[in-house]
Protein backbone atom coordinates (compact mmCIF):
# COMPACT_ATOMS: atom_id res chain seq x y z
CA MET A 1 -15.37 -9.75 -35.59
CA TYR A 2 -14.11 -7.37 -38.55
CA THR A 3 -13.20 -4.07 -38.35
CA ASN A 4 -14.44 -1.95 -41.00
CA ARG A 5 -12.80 0.79 -42.26
CA LEU A 6 -15.26 3.43 -43.94
CA PRO A 7 -17.10 5.29 -41.54
CA GLY A 8 -21.35 4.45 -41.37
CA ILE A 9 -23.28 2.15 -39.96
CA ALA A 10 -24.77 1.22 -43.62
CA ALA A 11 -20.81 0.42 -44.67
CA ALA A 12 -20.67 -1.72 -41.43
CA ARG A 13 -24.17 -3.36 -42.29
CA ASN A 14 -22.87 -4.13 -45.79
CA ARG A 15 -19.47 -5.22 -44.96
CA ALA A 16 -21.45 -8.27 -42.72
CA LEU A 17 -23.12 -8.98 -45.74
CA ALA A 18 -19.72 -8.94 -47.63
CA GLU A 19 -18.66 -11.13 -45.10
CA SER A 20 -21.31 -13.63 -45.16
CA VAL A 21 -21.28 -14.70 -48.98
CA ASP A 22 -20.49 -18.29 -47.67
CA VAL A 23 -23.84 -18.48 -45.59
CA ASP A 24 -27.22 -18.43 -45.93
CA LEU A 25 -28.83 -16.78 -42.54
CA LEU A 26 -27.50 -13.36 -41.36
CA VAL A 27 -28.87 -12.10 -38.06
CA PHE A 28 -28.52 -8.94 -37.19
CA ILE A 29 -28.79 -7.20 -32.96
CA ASP A 30 -27.12 -4.21 -31.97
CA ASP A 31 -23.90 -3.81 -29.82
CA ASP A 32 -25.64 -2.57 -27.06
CA GLU A 33 -28.74 -5.57 -26.83
CA ARG A 34 -28.67 -8.28 -24.53
CA PRO A 35 -30.55 -11.80 -25.92
CA THR A 36 -32.34 -14.19 -23.90
CA SER A 37 -31.68 -17.21 -23.71
CA ASP A 38 -33.96 -19.20 -26.70
CA TRP A 39 -33.86 -15.57 -28.56
CA LEU A 40 -32.03 -17.54 -31.67
CA THR A 41 -33.52 -20.85 -31.34
CA ALA A 42 -37.04 -18.63 -31.81
CA LEU A 43 -36.04 -17.04 -34.57
CA LEU A 44 -35.07 -20.04 -36.48
CA GLU A 45 -37.87 -21.73 -35.51
CA THR A 46 -40.12 -19.44 -36.68
CA ARG A 47 -38.59 -19.32 -40.24
CA ILE A 48 -38.94 -22.85 -40.54
CA ARG A 49 -42.43 -23.07 -39.20
CA THR A 50 -43.39 -19.72 -41.77
CA GLY A 51 -41.18 -20.29 -44.58
CA ALA A 52 -40.40 -16.28 -44.50
CA GLY A 53 -37.44 -14.72 -46.20
CA GLY A 54 -37.12 -13.23 -42.46
CA VAL A 55 -37.88 -12.57 -39.16
CA VAL A 56 -38.12 -9.91 -36.85
CA GLY A 57 -37.90 -9.75 -33.35
CA PRO A 58 -38.98 -7.39 -30.65
CA VAL A 59 -36.96 -5.06 -28.30
CA VAL A 60 -37.38 -4.36 -24.43
CA SER A 61 -36.25 -1.06 -23.43
CA ALA A 62 -34.22 -1.38 -19.98
CA PHE A 63 -32.73 1.37 -17.69
CA ALA A 64 -30.03 1.96 -15.04
CA ALA A 65 -32.78 4.53 -13.06
CA PRO A 66 -36.25 4.57 -13.54
CA LEU A 67 -37.78 7.10 -16.03
CA ASP A 68 -39.72 10.55 -14.52
CA PRO A 69 -43.23 9.13 -14.22
CA TRP A 70 -44.50 11.79 -17.11
CA ILE A 71 -41.82 9.62 -19.64
CA ALA A 72 -42.69 6.31 -18.42
CA ASP A 73 -46.49 7.33 -18.58
CA GLY A 74 -46.06 8.42 -22.31
CA GLY A 75 -45.04 5.32 -23.47
CA PHE A 76 -42.03 7.02 -25.46
CA PHE A 77 -40.23 3.66 -25.19
CA ASP A 78 -42.73 1.53 -25.79
CA ARG A 79 -41.93 -0.59 -28.75
CA ARG A 80 -44.13 -2.77 -31.36
CA ARG A 81 -45.47 -5.44 -30.22
CA LEU A 82 -47.31 -8.28 -32.42
CA PRO A 83 -48.87 -11.56 -32.60
CA THR A 84 -45.56 -14.03 -33.92
CA GLY A 85 -46.43 -14.95 -37.58
CA THR A 86 -47.60 -11.61 -38.35
CA GLU A 87 -46.26 -10.41 -41.33
CA VAL A 88 -44.28 -7.02 -41.68
CA ARG A 89 -43.20 -4.32 -44.36
CA VAL A 90 -40.23 -2.71 -42.87
CA ALA A 91 -37.90 -3.72 -39.70
CA ALA A 92 -34.47 -2.49 -38.18
CA THR A 93 -31.57 -4.64 -37.69
CA ASN A 94 -32.05 -4.62 -33.97
CA ASN A 95 -33.12 -8.02 -33.76
CA LEU A 96 -33.71 -9.05 -37.79
CA LEU A 97 -32.95 -12.17 -39.53
CA LEU A 98 -32.47 -12.46 -43.09
CA ASP A 99 -32.60 -15.21 -45.93
CA LEU A 100 -29.27 -14.28 -47.75
CA ARG A 101 -29.75 -16.16 -51.02
CA LEU A 102 -32.71 -13.84 -51.72
CA VAL A 103 -30.76 -10.40 -50.35
CA ARG A 104 -28.45 -11.68 -53.15
CA SER A 105 -30.72 -12.68 -55.92
CA ILE A 106 -31.88 -8.94 -56.03
CA SER A 107 -28.52 -7.59 -55.22
CA LEU A 108 -29.66 -6.03 -52.44
CA GLN A 109 -27.56 -3.64 -50.20
CA PHE A 110 -27.40 -1.06 -47.57
CA ASP A 111 -28.02 2.48 -48.69
CA GLU A 112 -24.78 4.14 -47.87
CA ARG A 113 -26.25 8.10 -48.62
CA PHE A 114 -28.14 7.69 -45.11
CA SER A 115 -24.87 6.32 -43.12
CA ALA A 116 -25.25 9.80 -41.49
CA SER A 117 -28.98 10.18 -40.80
CA GLY A 118 -30.35 6.40 -40.13
CA GLY A 119 -32.74 4.65 -41.55
CA SER A 120 -30.61 2.64 -44.00
CA ASP A 121 -32.29 -0.37 -42.34
CA SER A 122 -35.92 0.25 -42.73
CA LEU A 123 -34.78 1.58 -46.33
CA PHE A 124 -33.34 -1.83 -47.06
CA THR A 125 -36.49 -3.84 -45.83
CA ARG A 126 -38.64 -1.55 -47.67
CA ARG A 127 -36.91 -2.84 -50.45
CA TYR A 128 -36.78 -6.30 -49.52
CA THR A 129 -40.22 -7.08 -49.10
CA GLY A 130 -41.28 -4.64 -52.03
CA ALA A 131 -39.38 -7.28 -54.23
CA GLY A 132 -41.78 -9.81 -52.98
CA PHE A 133 -39.79 -11.72 -49.82
CA THR A 134 -42.29 -11.90 -46.55
CA LEU A 135 -40.81 -10.96 -43.08
CA VAL A 136 -42.30 -12.03 -40.14
CA TRP A 137 -42.77 -11.10 -36.80
CA CYS A 138 -40.92 -13.85 -33.66
CA ASP A 139 -42.40 -12.49 -29.98
CA GLU A 140 -41.00 -14.53 -28.26
CA ALA A 141 -37.44 -13.89 -29.63
CA VAL A 142 -36.54 -11.04 -27.31
CA VAL A 143 -33.59 -8.65 -27.02
CA THR A 144 -33.18 -5.86 -24.21
CA ASP A 145 -31.49 -2.63 -25.16
CA VAL A 146 -29.46 -1.70 -22.03
CA SER A 147 -29.59 2.12 -21.77
CA SER A 148 -27.40 3.48 -18.86
CA SER A 149 -27.07 7.77 -18.32
CA ARG A 150 -23.70 9.32 -19.09
CA THR A 151 -24.67 11.58 -16.01
CA GLY A 152 -25.64 10.91 -12.48
CA HIS A 153 -28.81 13.12 -12.45
CA PRO A 154 -31.78 10.95 -12.70
CA ARG A 155 -33.60 14.11 -14.48
CA LEU A 156 -30.84 14.69 -16.99
CA GLY A 157 -30.55 11.28 -17.86
CA ASN A 158 -34.15 11.02 -18.78
CA THR A 159 -33.97 14.02 -21.02
CA SER A 160 -31.11 12.52 -22.63
CA THR A 161 -32.64 9.35 -23.04
CA LEU A 162 -35.73 11.08 -24.27
CA SER A 163 -33.75 13.25 -26.75
CA ASN A 164 -32.12 10.19 -28.31
CA ARG A 165 -35.51 8.61 -28.78
CA LYS A 166 -37.07 11.87 -30.85
CA LEU A 167 -34.16 11.38 -32.61
CA LEU A 168 -35.23 8.01 -34.14
CA GLY A 169 -38.00 10.13 -35.49
CA SER A 170 -36.24 11.47 -38.12
CA TYR A 171 -35.34 8.00 -39.70
CA GLY A 172 -38.42 7.56 -40.72
CA THR A 173 -38.74 10.31 -43.27
CA GLY A 174 -35.60 9.82 -44.43
CA THR A 175 -36.31 6.67 -45.43
CA HIS A 176 -39.58 8.30 -46.83
CA PHE A 177 -37.38 10.12 -49.29
CA GLY A 178 -35.09 6.95 -49.99
CA GLN A 179 -38.90 5.93 -51.59
CA CYS A 180 -39.14 8.63 -53.64
CA ALA A 181 -35.50 7.82 -55.10
CA ASP A 182 -36.57 4.68 -56.49
CA ARG A 183 -39.49 5.94 -57.99
CA SER A 184 -37.04 8.35 -59.83
CA VAL A 185 -38.38 11.26 -57.46
CA THR A 186 -35.99 13.82 -56.23
CA ARG A 187 -35.02 13.09 -52.76
CA SER A 188 -32.68 14.72 -49.86
CA ALA A 189 -30.35 12.19 -47.63
CA ALA A 190 -29.58 15.13 -45.35
CA THR A 191 -33.38 14.81 -43.60
CA GLY A 192 -32.89 13.49 -40.27
CA ARG A 193 -30.16 15.06 -37.71
CA GLY A 194 -26.92 13.18 -38.57
CA ASP A 195 -24.86 10.92 -35.89
CA PRO A 196 -22.19 13.35 -35.19
CA SER A 197 -19.73 9.96 -35.10
CA GLY A 198 -20.39 8.99 -38.20
CA GLY A 199 -22.30 6.06 -37.10
CA ARG A 200 -19.15 4.84 -35.26
CA ASN A 201 -20.80 4.80 -32.04
CA ARG A 202 -23.50 3.09 -33.49
CA SER A 203 -21.81 -0.14 -34.51
CA ARG A 204 -23.88 -3.35 -34.86
CA ASP A 205 -22.88 -6.78 -33.98
CA ALA A 206 -23.99 -8.91 -37.19
CA ARG A 207 -23.92 -12.55 -36.06
CA ARG A 208 -23.65 -15.22 -38.61
CA VAL A 209 -26.09 -18.21 -38.89
CA GLY A 210 -24.38 -21.57 -40.46
CA SER A 211 -26.00 -22.91 -43.72
CA GLN A 212 -29.28 -24.25 -44.02
CA PRO A 213 -30.48 -26.22 -46.51
CA PRO A 214 -32.46 -24.44 -49.24
């Protein structure tokens, strides 16, 4: 485990890349997630079977208390599930395996201008697939996002949790402007609402995987 002195989640992700110069594969997972027992095996087997440059897995939400029916029925926390082998163009780093040889071949890094607004991972993977590299889905490589309310009141907890989910919607807008920047179009990095901690409260655990033969 490494301590990064630069604030922001994008800087932490770049530190993970910098510390992985001697390996070929890197797996990102959030620090508040719990992988299933065969999670890593599923990611690796899918990569070997498909030859893809990266593999993306699903994230399933779990809560300390039942959600209010209107929230559960609204599907606000339903995340995408796809057949294994499906190609995707964009992914978060909450369950992602990358071939670092490909990342290094185009000198790709996370854009630290998005450390406060979020979305640096979405922009990173868009650039990755835009360079011609393939990301595929592995539906068996499941991780659970464990969410616990900060208050004992279930309704307040649901409201807080839903607000956090709404925040994620702002990230996509920010990455859209990031794509425009790639085409020399003016963008604003302040699109989404920032994390007041500068990303320190959303630290990630990047787990390195031993070198694989080219």
